[in-house]
């Protein structure tokens, strides 16, 4: 049995207060459904140990490709996640402070998500100006988070960046996500060991 087969990453799950027996069973079922789906795609040639997605294949050339417009949808999801306060490492009152600073360009509408489908509002919430405000005020977790997302967006857009810069900024975002979802990824880089219950 290989090391990755013996590795049990799901042991770090803790029961939430008020979690019922059905909730616990859903967690177990979700884990096995995820493993089954990963195995299905592995059997069909998709390497989930290195990638977290099924790449799109051009039907004519057979080359894999990435739809560049997808990054705007992801940005809106990240902004929604941020507004809902789903990152325990961040102090969300600091975003309110950033809104009050004239140097950030952050508006009330962007902060609270009045226009939920607005890409410009998401860009204002997660901009380099907001990251600089956090850095200048020594709000390091918030600065790192916003800068990581802003750099990822810049890399996804791609204009004015070298391929190396784009690659570095995309990997910084990937590692930020993996640090949360797969904390063991630096020791065991098998992305199929993702904990779907996080």
N, C-alpha and C. Protein backbone atom coordinates (compact mmCIF):
# COMPACT_ATOMS: atom_id res chain seq x y z
N UNK A 1 0.85 -1.19 0.00
CA UNK A 1 0.00 0.00 0.00
C UNK A 1 0.89 1.24 0.00
N UNK A 2 0.62 2.16 -0.93
CA UNK A 2 1.44 3.37 -1.03
C UNK A 2 1.11 4.35 0.09
N UNK A 3 2.01 5.33 0.27
CA UNK A 3 1.81 6.33 1.32
C UNK A 3 0.52 7.11 1.12
N UNK A 4 0.20 7.47 -0.16
CA UNK A 4 -1.02 8.25 -0.40
C UNK A 4 -2.28 7.44 -0.11
N UNK A 5 -2.23 6.11 -0.26
CA UNK A 5 -3.39 5.29 0.07
C UNK A 5 -3.57 5.16 1.57
N UNK A 6 -2.45 5.17 2.33
CA UNK A 6 -2.54 5.07 3.79
C UNK A 6 -2.92 6.40 4.43
N UNK A 7 -2.65 7.50 3.75
CA UNK A 7 -2.86 8.83 4.31
C UNK A 7 -4.35 9.06 4.54
N UNK A 8 -4.72 9.51 5.73
CA UNK A 8 -6.12 9.73 6.07
C UNK A 8 -6.36 11.21 6.37
N UNK A 9 -6.54 12.05 5.35
CA UNK A 9 -6.66 13.49 5.58
C UNK A 9 -7.98 13.91 6.20
N UNK A 10 -8.96 13.05 6.24
CA UNK A 10 -10.29 13.45 6.70
C UNK A 10 -10.43 13.38 8.21
N UNK A 11 -9.38 12.99 8.90
CA UNK A 11 -9.47 12.86 10.36
C UNK A 11 -9.51 14.20 11.07
N UNK A 12 -9.18 15.29 10.37
CA UNK A 12 -9.16 16.59 11.04
C UNK A 12 -10.55 17.22 11.15
N UNK A 13 -11.58 16.56 10.62
CA UNK A 13 -12.94 17.12 10.73
C UNK A 13 -13.40 17.06 12.17
N UNK A 14 -13.91 18.16 12.65
CA UNK A 14 -14.48 18.19 14.00
C UNK A 14 -15.98 18.36 13.87
N UNK A 15 -16.70 17.79 14.79
CA UNK A 15 -18.14 17.90 14.74
C UNK A 15 -18.56 19.31 15.13
N UNK A 16 -19.51 19.82 14.41
CA UNK A 16 -20.00 21.15 14.70
C UNK A 16 -21.07 21.05 15.78
N UNK A 17 -21.22 22.08 16.60
CA UNK A 17 -22.27 22.05 17.63
C UNK A 17 -23.63 21.88 16.96
N UNK A 18 -24.43 20.99 17.52
CA UNK A 18 -25.77 20.77 16.99
C UNK A 18 -25.80 19.91 15.75
N UNK A 19 -24.68 19.28 15.38
CA UNK A 19 -24.65 18.43 14.19
C UNK A 19 -25.38 17.12 14.50
N UNK A 20 -26.35 16.80 13.67
CA UNK A 20 -27.16 15.60 13.89
C UNK A 20 -26.49 14.37 13.28
N UNK A 21 -27.05 13.22 13.55
CA UNK A 21 -26.56 11.98 12.97
C UNK A 21 -26.67 12.04 11.44
N UNK A 22 -27.77 12.62 10.93
CA UNK A 22 -27.93 12.76 9.48
C UNK A 22 -26.83 13.65 8.88
N UNK A 23 -26.47 14.72 9.60
CA UNK A 23 -25.39 15.59 9.12
C UNK A 23 -24.07 14.83 9.02
N UNK A 24 -23.80 14.00 10.01
CA UNK A 24 -22.57 13.20 10.01
C UNK A 24 -22.58 12.21 8.85
N UNK A 25 -23.73 11.60 8.61
CA UNK A 25 -23.84 10.65 7.50
C UNK A 25 -23.70 11.34 6.16
N UNK A 26 -24.25 12.54 6.03
CA UNK A 26 -24.09 13.31 4.79
C UNK A 26 -22.62 13.58 4.50
N UNK A 27 -21.87 13.87 5.56
CA UNK A 27 -20.45 14.13 5.42
C UNK A 27 -19.72 12.89 4.89
N UNK A 28 -20.05 11.74 5.44
CA UNK A 28 -19.43 10.49 4.99
C UNK A 28 -19.82 10.18 3.55
N UNK A 29 -21.10 10.35 3.23
CA UNK A 29 -21.57 10.09 1.86
C UNK A 29 -20.92 11.05 0.87
N UNK A 30 -20.81 12.32 1.23
CA UNK A 30 -20.16 13.30 0.35
C UNK A 30 -18.72 12.91 0.07
N UNK A 31 -18.02 12.45 1.09
CA UNK A 31 -16.63 12.02 0.92
C UNK A 31 -16.55 10.88 -0.09
N UNK A 32 -17.40 9.88 0.06
CA UNK A 32 -17.35 8.73 -0.84
C UNK A 32 -17.85 9.07 -2.24
N UNK A 33 -18.82 9.96 -2.35
CA UNK A 33 -19.26 10.40 -3.68
C UNK A 33 -18.14 11.13 -4.39
N UNK A 34 -17.42 11.97 -3.67
CA UNK A 34 -16.29 12.69 -4.26
C UNK A 34 -15.22 11.71 -4.70
N UNK A 35 -14.87 10.77 -3.85
CA UNK A 35 -13.84 9.78 -4.21
C UNK A 35 -14.26 8.96 -5.42
N UNK A 36 -15.54 8.59 -5.48
CA UNK A 36 -16.05 7.82 -6.63
C UNK A 36 -15.94 8.63 -7.91
N UNK A 37 -16.33 9.91 -7.86
CA UNK A 37 -16.26 10.78 -9.03
C UNK A 37 -14.82 10.99 -9.49
N UNK A 38 -13.92 11.18 -8.54
CA UNK A 38 -12.49 11.33 -8.88
C UNK A 38 -11.99 10.07 -9.55
N UNK A 39 -12.35 8.91 -9.02
CA UNK A 39 -11.90 7.65 -9.61
C UNK A 39 -12.45 7.47 -11.02
N UNK A 40 -13.70 7.88 -11.24
CA UNK A 40 -14.30 7.81 -12.58
C UNK A 40 -13.46 8.62 -13.56
N UNK A 41 -13.12 9.86 -13.19
CA UNK A 41 -12.35 10.71 -14.10
C UNK A 41 -10.92 10.22 -14.25
N UNK A 42 -10.34 9.66 -13.19
CA UNK A 42 -8.99 9.08 -13.30
C UNK A 42 -9.01 7.93 -14.30
N UNK A 43 -10.03 7.10 -14.23
CA UNK A 43 -10.17 5.97 -15.16
C UNK A 43 -10.33 6.45 -16.60
N UNK A 44 -10.79 7.70 -16.78
CA UNK A 44 -10.96 8.27 -18.11
C UNK A 44 -9.81 9.20 -18.50
N UNK A 45 -8.69 9.08 -17.79
CA UNK A 45 -7.48 9.78 -18.20
C UNK A 45 -7.25 11.16 -17.61
N UNK A 46 -8.08 11.60 -16.68
CA UNK A 46 -7.89 12.91 -16.06
C UNK A 46 -7.07 12.73 -14.78
N UNK A 47 -5.98 13.46 -14.67
CA UNK A 47 -5.08 13.31 -13.53
C UNK A 47 -5.48 14.26 -12.41
N UNK A 48 -6.27 13.78 -11.47
CA UNK A 48 -6.71 14.61 -10.35
C UNK A 48 -5.65 14.76 -9.27
N UNK A 49 -4.53 14.08 -9.41
CA UNK A 49 -3.48 14.29 -8.42
C UNK A 49 -2.79 15.63 -8.67
N UNK A 50 -2.85 16.14 -9.91
CA UNK A 50 -2.20 17.40 -10.24
C UNK A 50 -3.18 18.53 -10.55
N UNK A 51 -4.43 18.22 -10.88
CA UNK A 51 -5.41 19.23 -11.28
C UNK A 51 -6.70 19.03 -10.51
N UNK A 52 -7.42 20.13 -10.27
CA UNK A 52 -8.70 20.07 -9.55
C UNK A 52 -9.89 20.24 -10.49
N UNK A 53 -9.69 20.07 -11.75
CA UNK A 53 -10.76 20.29 -12.71
C UNK A 53 -10.61 19.33 -13.88
N UNK A 54 -11.68 19.18 -14.64
CA UNK A 54 -11.63 18.42 -15.87
C UNK A 54 -11.40 19.43 -16.99
N UNK A 55 -10.23 19.40 -17.63
CA UNK A 55 -9.95 20.42 -18.64
C UNK A 55 -10.89 20.31 -19.85
N UNK A 56 -11.21 21.46 -20.42
CA UNK A 56 -12.01 21.48 -21.64
C UNK A 56 -11.10 21.15 -22.82
N UNK A 57 -11.60 20.33 -23.71
CA UNK A 57 -10.81 19.90 -24.86
C UNK A 57 -11.47 20.43 -26.13
N UNK A 58 -10.65 21.08 -26.96
CA UNK A 58 -11.15 21.57 -28.24
C UNK A 58 -11.50 20.38 -29.12
N UNK A 59 -12.75 20.31 -29.61
CA UNK A 59 -13.15 19.12 -30.38
C UNK A 59 -12.42 18.97 -31.71
N UNK A 60 -11.87 20.05 -32.24
CA UNK A 60 -11.20 19.99 -33.54
C UNK A 60 -9.72 19.65 -33.38
N UNK A 61 -9.01 20.41 -32.51
CA UNK A 61 -7.57 20.22 -32.38
C UNK A 61 -7.19 19.19 -31.32
N UNK A 62 -8.10 18.94 -30.37
CA UNK A 62 -7.78 18.03 -29.27
C UNK A 62 -6.97 18.67 -28.18
N UNK A 63 -6.67 19.97 -28.29
CA UNK A 63 -5.91 20.69 -27.27
C UNK A 63 -6.81 21.10 -26.12
N UNK A 64 -6.24 21.10 -24.91
CA UNK A 64 -7.00 21.60 -23.76
C UNK A 64 -6.95 23.12 -23.76
N UNK A 65 -8.01 23.74 -23.28
CA UNK A 65 -8.03 25.21 -23.23
C UNK A 65 -8.84 25.68 -22.03
N UNK A 66 -8.64 26.93 -21.70
CA UNK A 66 -9.32 27.57 -20.57
C UNK A 66 -10.10 28.75 -21.10
N UNK A 67 -11.37 28.81 -20.76
CA UNK A 67 -12.20 29.94 -21.17
C UNK A 67 -11.82 31.14 -20.32
N UNK A 68 -11.29 32.18 -20.94
CA UNK A 68 -10.83 33.35 -20.18
C UNK A 68 -11.95 34.06 -19.46
N UNK A 69 -13.18 33.98 -19.95
CA UNK A 69 -14.29 34.68 -19.32
C UNK A 69 -14.68 34.05 -17.99
N UNK A 70 -14.24 32.84 -17.72
CA UNK A 70 -14.59 32.17 -16.48
C UNK A 70 -14.09 32.91 -15.25
N UNK A 71 -13.01 33.67 -15.39
CA UNK A 71 -12.44 34.33 -14.21
C UNK A 71 -13.38 35.38 -13.64
N UNK A 72 -14.22 36.00 -14.46
CA UNK A 72 -15.17 36.99 -13.93
C UNK A 72 -16.21 36.33 -13.05
N UNK A 73 -16.67 35.16 -13.45
CA UNK A 73 -17.64 34.42 -12.62
C UNK A 73 -16.98 34.04 -11.29
N UNK A 74 -15.76 33.56 -11.35
CA UNK A 74 -15.05 33.19 -10.12
C UNK A 74 -14.83 34.40 -9.22
N UNK A 75 -14.49 35.54 -9.83
CA UNK A 75 -14.28 36.76 -9.04
C UNK A 75 -15.56 37.14 -8.29
N UNK A 76 -16.71 37.07 -8.94
CA UNK A 76 -17.97 37.40 -8.27
C UNK A 76 -18.25 36.42 -7.13
N UNK A 77 -17.90 35.15 -7.31
CA UNK A 77 -18.09 34.17 -6.24
C UNK A 77 -17.16 34.46 -5.06
N UNK A 78 -15.92 34.84 -5.35
CA UNK A 78 -14.96 35.18 -4.29
C UNK A 78 -15.44 36.41 -3.54
N UNK A 79 -15.94 37.42 -4.26
CA UNK A 79 -16.44 38.63 -3.62
C UNK A 79 -17.64 38.30 -2.73
N UNK A 80 -18.53 37.44 -3.20
CA UNK A 80 -19.71 37.03 -2.40
C UNK A 80 -19.24 36.32 -1.13
N UNK A 81 -18.29 35.42 -1.27
CA UNK A 81 -17.72 34.69 -0.13
C UNK A 81 -17.11 35.67 0.87
N UNK A 82 -16.42 36.68 0.36
CA UNK A 82 -15.80 37.69 1.22
C UNK A 82 -16.86 38.49 1.96
N UNK A 83 -17.86 38.95 1.23
CA UNK A 83 -18.92 39.76 1.86
C UNK A 83 -19.67 38.99 2.94
N UNK A 84 -19.83 37.69 2.75
CA UNK A 84 -20.57 36.87 3.72
C UNK A 84 -19.75 36.54 4.95
N UNK A 85 -18.47 36.93 4.96
CA UNK A 85 -17.64 36.73 6.15
C UNK A 85 -17.22 35.28 6.35
N UNK A 86 -17.00 34.56 5.27
CA UNK A 86 -16.70 33.13 5.36
C UNK A 86 -15.23 32.79 5.55
N UNK A 87 -14.39 33.78 5.75
CA UNK A 87 -12.97 33.53 5.97
C UNK A 87 -12.64 33.91 7.41
N UNK A 88 -12.40 32.92 8.23
CA UNK A 88 -12.16 33.14 9.66
C UNK A 88 -10.88 33.89 9.97
N UNK A 89 -9.98 34.02 8.99
CA UNK A 89 -8.71 34.72 9.22
C UNK A 89 -8.83 36.23 9.09
N UNK A 90 -9.97 36.71 8.59
CA UNK A 90 -10.11 38.13 8.29
C UNK A 90 -10.98 38.83 9.32
N UNK A 91 -10.66 40.11 9.57
CA UNK A 91 -11.49 40.97 10.40
C UNK A 91 -12.28 41.85 9.42
N UNK A 92 -13.57 41.60 9.32
CA UNK A 92 -14.38 42.26 8.29
C UNK A 92 -14.68 43.72 8.59
N UNK A 93 -14.49 44.15 9.83
CA UNK A 93 -14.65 45.57 10.16
C UNK A 93 -13.59 46.40 9.44
N UNK A 94 -12.49 45.79 9.10
CA UNK A 94 -11.41 46.50 8.41
C UNK A 94 -11.80 46.85 6.97
N UNK A 95 -12.70 46.07 6.38
CA UNK A 95 -13.20 46.43 5.05
C UNK A 95 -14.03 47.71 5.13
N UNK A 96 -14.76 47.86 6.24
CA UNK A 96 -15.53 49.10 6.45
C UNK A 96 -14.57 50.28 6.58
N UNK A 97 -13.47 50.09 7.29
CA UNK A 97 -12.45 51.14 7.40
C UNK A 97 -11.90 51.49 6.02
N UNK A 98 -11.66 50.48 5.21
CA UNK A 98 -11.13 50.71 3.86
C UNK A 98 -12.12 51.50 3.01
N UNK A 99 -13.41 51.24 3.19
CA UNK A 99 -14.43 51.97 2.44
C UNK A 99 -14.40 53.45 2.80
N UNK A 100 -14.11 53.77 4.05
CA UNK A 100 -14.10 55.17 4.51
C UNK A 100 -12.86 55.93 4.04
N UNK A 101 -11.86 55.20 3.55
CA UNK A 101 -10.65 55.86 3.05
C UNK A 101 -10.87 56.29 1.60
N UNK A 102 -10.58 57.55 1.29
CA UNK A 102 -10.76 58.00 -0.10
C UNK A 102 -9.74 57.40 -1.07
N UNK A 103 -8.70 56.79 -0.56
CA UNK A 103 -7.63 56.26 -1.42
C UNK A 103 -7.95 54.88 -1.99
N UNK A 104 -8.96 54.18 -1.46
CA UNK A 104 -9.20 52.80 -1.89
C UNK A 104 -10.15 52.70 -3.08
N UNK A 105 -11.05 53.65 -3.23
CA UNK A 105 -12.05 53.55 -4.29
C UNK A 105 -13.17 52.58 -3.97
N UNK A 106 -13.15 52.03 -2.77
CA UNK A 106 -14.18 51.08 -2.35
C UNK A 106 -15.46 51.83 -1.99
N UNK A 107 -16.56 51.45 -2.62
CA UNK A 107 -17.84 52.11 -2.37
C UNK A 107 -18.71 51.25 -1.47
N UNK A 108 -19.75 51.87 -0.91
CA UNK A 108 -20.68 51.13 -0.07
C UNK A 108 -21.37 50.03 -0.87
N UNK A 109 -21.76 50.36 -2.10
CA UNK A 109 -22.44 49.36 -2.95
C UNK A 109 -21.54 48.16 -3.20
N UNK A 110 -20.26 48.39 -3.43
CA UNK A 110 -19.32 47.29 -3.66
C UNK A 110 -19.09 46.49 -2.39
N UNK A 111 -19.04 47.18 -1.25
CA UNK A 111 -18.77 46.51 0.02
C UNK A 111 -19.92 45.58 0.42
N UNK A 112 -21.15 46.03 0.28
CA UNK A 112 -22.29 45.22 0.73
C UNK A 112 -22.90 44.38 -0.38
N UNK A 113 -22.46 44.57 -1.62
CA UNK A 113 -22.94 43.75 -2.71
C UNK A 113 -24.33 44.11 -3.20
N UNK A 114 -24.62 45.41 -3.32
CA UNK A 114 -25.94 45.83 -3.81
C UNK A 114 -26.20 45.31 -5.23
N UNK A 115 -25.16 45.29 -6.04
CA UNK A 115 -25.27 44.77 -7.41
C UNK A 115 -24.48 43.47 -7.46
N UNK A 116 -25.13 42.37 -7.12
CA UNK A 116 -24.45 41.10 -6.92
C UNK A 116 -23.72 40.58 -8.15
N UNK A 117 -24.19 40.91 -9.33
CA UNK A 117 -23.57 40.43 -10.57
C UNK A 117 -22.57 41.43 -11.16
N UNK A 118 -22.22 42.45 -10.40
CA UNK A 118 -21.35 43.50 -10.90
C UNK A 118 -19.87 43.11 -10.76
N UNK A 119 -19.21 42.91 -11.88
CA UNK A 119 -17.77 42.64 -11.86
C UNK A 119 -16.99 43.87 -11.37
N UNK A 120 -17.34 45.10 -11.82
CA UNK A 120 -16.61 46.27 -11.30
C UNK A 120 -16.70 46.40 -9.77
N UNK A 121 -17.86 46.07 -9.18
CA UNK A 121 -17.98 46.13 -7.72
C UNK A 121 -17.07 45.09 -7.06
N UNK A 122 -17.02 43.90 -7.63
CA UNK A 122 -16.13 42.86 -7.09
C UNK A 122 -14.67 43.30 -7.21
N UNK A 123 -14.34 43.94 -8.33
CA UNK A 123 -12.97 44.44 -8.51
C UNK A 123 -12.62 45.53 -7.51
N UNK A 124 -13.59 46.38 -7.17
CA UNK A 124 -13.34 47.44 -6.18
C UNK A 124 -13.13 46.84 -4.79
N UNK A 125 -13.91 45.82 -4.45
CA UNK A 125 -13.79 45.18 -3.14
C UNK A 125 -12.43 44.50 -2.97
N UNK A 126 -11.94 43.91 -4.04
CA UNK A 126 -10.72 43.11 -3.97
C UNK A 126 -9.63 43.71 -4.87
N UNK A 127 -9.34 44.97 -4.65
CA UNK A 127 -8.41 45.71 -5.51
C UNK A 127 -7.05 45.90 -4.84
N UNK A 128 -6.07 46.28 -5.66
CA UNK A 128 -4.75 46.60 -5.13
C UNK A 128 -4.80 47.80 -4.19
N UNK A 129 -5.73 48.74 -4.43
CA UNK A 129 -5.85 49.91 -3.55
C UNK A 129 -6.31 49.50 -2.15
N UNK A 130 -7.26 48.56 -2.09
CA UNK A 130 -7.72 48.06 -0.78
C UNK A 130 -6.58 47.30 -0.11
N UNK A 131 -5.86 46.48 -0.87
CA UNK A 131 -4.73 45.73 -0.31
C UNK A 131 -3.67 46.69 0.25
N UNK A 132 -3.39 47.78 -0.48
CA UNK A 132 -2.40 48.75 -0.02
C UNK A 132 -2.87 49.43 1.28
N UNK A 133 -4.17 49.75 1.36
CA UNK A 133 -4.71 50.34 2.58
C UNK A 133 -4.49 49.39 3.76
N UNK A 134 -4.78 48.11 3.55
CA UNK A 134 -4.59 47.14 4.63
C UNK A 134 -3.11 47.03 5.00
N UNK A 135 -2.24 47.00 4.02
CA UNK A 135 -0.80 46.89 4.28
C UNK A 135 -0.31 48.12 5.04
N UNK A 136 -0.74 49.31 4.62
CA UNK A 136 -0.32 50.55 5.28
C UNK A 136 -0.79 50.63 6.73
N UNK A 137 -1.92 49.96 7.03
CA UNK A 137 -2.45 49.96 8.39
C UNK A 137 -2.06 48.71 9.17
N UNK A 138 -1.13 47.94 8.59
CA UNK A 138 -0.62 46.73 9.23
C UNK A 138 -1.69 45.67 9.48
N UNK A 139 -2.67 45.60 8.58
CA UNK A 139 -3.69 44.56 8.61
C UNK A 139 -3.22 43.45 7.66
N UNK A 140 -2.27 42.68 8.11
CA UNK A 140 -1.55 41.75 7.24
C UNK A 140 -2.42 40.64 6.65
N UNK A 141 -3.25 39.93 7.43
CA UNK A 141 -4.07 38.86 6.81
C UNK A 141 -4.99 39.40 5.72
N UNK A 142 -5.60 40.56 5.98
CA UNK A 142 -6.50 41.16 5.00
C UNK A 142 -5.72 41.61 3.76
N UNK A 143 -4.54 42.21 3.99
CA UNK A 143 -3.71 42.67 2.86
C UNK A 143 -3.28 41.50 1.99
N UNK A 144 -2.84 40.42 2.61
CA UNK A 144 -2.40 39.25 1.85
C UNK A 144 -3.55 38.64 1.05
N UNK A 145 -4.71 38.54 1.68
CA UNK A 145 -5.88 37.96 1.01
C UNK A 145 -6.29 38.79 -0.21
N UNK A 146 -6.46 40.09 -0.01
CA UNK A 146 -6.92 40.95 -1.10
C UNK A 146 -5.86 41.03 -2.20
N UNK A 147 -4.59 41.12 -1.82
CA UNK A 147 -3.52 41.18 -2.83
C UNK A 147 -3.47 39.89 -3.64
N UNK A 148 -3.65 38.76 -2.98
CA UNK A 148 -3.63 37.47 -3.69
C UNK A 148 -4.73 37.41 -4.72
N UNK A 149 -5.94 37.82 -4.35
CA UNK A 149 -7.06 37.80 -5.29
C UNK A 149 -6.85 38.81 -6.41
N UNK A 150 -6.38 40.01 -6.07
CA UNK A 150 -6.15 41.05 -7.09
C UNK A 150 -5.08 40.61 -8.08
N UNK A 151 -4.02 39.98 -7.59
CA UNK A 151 -2.98 39.49 -8.50
C UNK A 151 -3.49 38.36 -9.38
N UNK A 152 -4.31 37.48 -8.81
CA UNK A 152 -4.89 36.40 -9.61
C UNK A 152 -5.76 36.97 -10.73
N UNK A 153 -6.57 37.99 -10.39
CA UNK A 153 -7.42 38.60 -11.41
C UNK A 153 -6.57 39.25 -12.50
N UNK A 154 -5.52 39.94 -12.09
CA UNK A 154 -4.62 40.56 -13.06
C UNK A 154 -3.98 39.50 -13.96
N UNK A 155 -3.59 38.38 -13.37
CA UNK A 155 -2.98 37.30 -14.15
C UNK A 155 -3.99 36.65 -15.09
N UNK A 156 -5.23 36.54 -14.67
CA UNK A 156 -6.27 35.95 -15.51
C UNK A 156 -6.57 36.84 -16.70
N UNK A 157 -6.56 38.15 -16.45
CA UNK A 157 -6.77 39.10 -17.54
C UNK A 157 -5.58 39.07 -18.49
N UNK A 158 -4.39 39.04 -17.92
CA UNK A 158 -3.18 38.77 -18.68
C UNK A 158 -2.54 39.93 -19.42
N UNK A 159 -3.22 41.04 -19.56
CA UNK A 159 -2.63 42.14 -20.33
C UNK A 159 -1.48 42.78 -19.58
N UNK A 160 -0.36 42.95 -20.28
CA UNK A 160 0.78 43.66 -19.71
C UNK A 160 1.65 42.83 -18.79
N UNK A 161 1.39 41.55 -18.65
CA UNK A 161 2.21 40.70 -17.78
C UNK A 161 2.95 39.66 -18.61
N UNK A 162 4.13 39.34 -18.16
CA UNK A 162 4.86 38.26 -18.82
C UNK A 162 4.23 36.92 -18.42
N UNK A 163 4.53 35.90 -19.17
CA UNK A 163 4.01 34.57 -18.86
C UNK A 163 4.49 34.13 -17.49
N UNK A 164 5.73 34.46 -17.13
CA UNK A 164 6.28 34.09 -15.83
C UNK A 164 5.52 34.79 -14.70
N UNK A 165 5.23 36.10 -14.85
CA UNK A 165 4.47 36.83 -13.83
C UNK A 165 3.08 36.22 -13.66
N UNK A 166 2.42 35.93 -14.78
CA UNK A 166 1.08 35.33 -14.72
C UNK A 166 1.14 33.99 -13.98
N UNK A 167 2.14 33.20 -14.30
CA UNK A 167 2.29 31.89 -13.67
C UNK A 167 2.49 32.03 -12.15
N UNK A 168 3.36 32.94 -11.74
CA UNK A 168 3.62 33.14 -10.31
C UNK A 168 2.36 33.59 -9.56
N UNK A 169 1.63 34.53 -10.17
CA UNK A 169 0.43 35.05 -9.51
C UNK A 169 -0.67 33.99 -9.44
N UNK A 170 -0.79 33.18 -10.47
CA UNK A 170 -1.78 32.10 -10.43
C UNK A 170 -1.40 31.05 -9.39
N UNK A 171 -0.10 30.73 -9.28
CA UNK A 171 0.32 29.75 -8.28
C UNK A 171 0.16 30.28 -6.86
N UNK A 172 0.31 31.58 -6.68
CA UNK A 172 0.09 32.15 -5.35
C UNK A 172 -1.37 31.95 -4.93
N UNK A 173 -2.29 32.17 -5.86
CA UNK A 173 -3.72 31.95 -5.58
C UNK A 173 -3.98 30.46 -5.32
N UNK A 174 -3.41 29.60 -6.14
CA UNK A 174 -3.59 28.17 -5.95
C UNK A 174 -3.11 27.74 -4.57
N UNK A 175 -1.93 28.19 -4.18
CA UNK A 175 -1.40 27.81 -2.87
C UNK A 175 -2.22 28.38 -1.73
N UNK A 176 -2.78 29.58 -1.91
CA UNK A 176 -3.66 30.15 -0.88
C UNK A 176 -4.88 29.25 -0.69
N UNK A 177 -5.46 28.81 -1.78
CA UNK A 177 -6.63 27.92 -1.71
C UNK A 177 -6.25 26.57 -1.11
N UNK A 178 -5.14 26.01 -1.57
CA UNK A 178 -4.73 24.70 -1.07
C UNK A 178 -4.36 24.73 0.40
N UNK A 179 -3.80 25.83 0.88
CA UNK A 179 -3.50 25.94 2.31
C UNK A 179 -4.76 25.80 3.15
N UNK A 180 -5.89 26.23 2.60
CA UNK A 180 -7.17 26.11 3.31
C UNK A 180 -7.80 24.74 3.11
N UNK A 181 -7.85 24.29 1.88
CA UNK A 181 -8.57 23.05 1.57
C UNK A 181 -7.77 21.78 1.80
N UNK A 182 -6.47 21.85 1.52
CA UNK A 182 -5.61 20.67 1.63
C UNK A 182 -4.33 21.10 2.35
N UNK A 183 -4.41 21.31 3.67
CA UNK A 183 -3.25 21.84 4.39
C UNK A 183 -2.00 20.96 4.26
N UNK A 184 -2.15 19.71 3.91
CA UNK A 184 -1.04 18.78 3.77
C UNK A 184 -0.44 18.79 2.36
N UNK A 185 -0.88 19.72 1.48
CA UNK A 185 -0.46 19.68 0.08
C UNK A 185 1.04 19.88 -0.12
N UNK A 186 1.72 20.53 0.81
CA UNK A 186 3.16 20.73 0.63
C UNK A 186 3.95 19.44 0.91
N UNK A 187 3.36 18.53 1.70
CA UNK A 187 3.99 17.24 1.99
C UNK A 187 3.47 16.14 1.08
N UNK A 188 2.20 16.23 0.68
CA UNK A 188 1.57 15.19 -0.12
C UNK A 188 0.73 15.88 -1.20
N UNK A 189 1.36 16.18 -2.34
CA UNK A 189 0.68 16.94 -3.39
C UNK A 189 -0.18 16.02 -4.23
N UNK A 190 -1.27 15.55 -3.62
CA UNK A 190 -2.26 14.75 -4.34
C UNK A 190 -3.58 15.47 -4.14
N UNK A 191 -3.97 16.23 -5.15
CA UNK A 191 -5.15 17.07 -5.01
C UNK A 191 -6.44 16.26 -4.91
N UNK A 192 -6.39 14.99 -5.27
CA UNK A 192 -7.59 14.16 -5.12
C UNK A 192 -7.88 13.84 -3.66
N UNK A 193 -6.95 14.19 -2.76
CA UNK A 193 -7.18 13.97 -1.33
C UNK A 193 -7.90 15.15 -0.68
N UNK A 194 -8.46 16.04 -1.50
CA UNK A 194 -9.22 17.19 -1.03
C UNK A 194 -10.30 16.77 -0.03
N UNK A 195 -10.42 17.51 1.04
CA UNK A 195 -11.46 17.27 2.05
C UNK A 195 -12.73 18.02 1.60
N UNK A 196 -13.70 17.30 1.06
CA UNK A 196 -14.90 17.94 0.53
C UNK A 196 -15.80 18.48 1.63
N UNK A 197 -15.49 18.18 2.89
CA UNK A 197 -16.32 18.63 4.00
C UNK A 197 -15.81 19.92 4.62
N UNK A 198 -14.81 20.55 4.03
CA UNK A 198 -14.29 21.81 4.56
C UNK A 198 -15.23 22.92 4.27
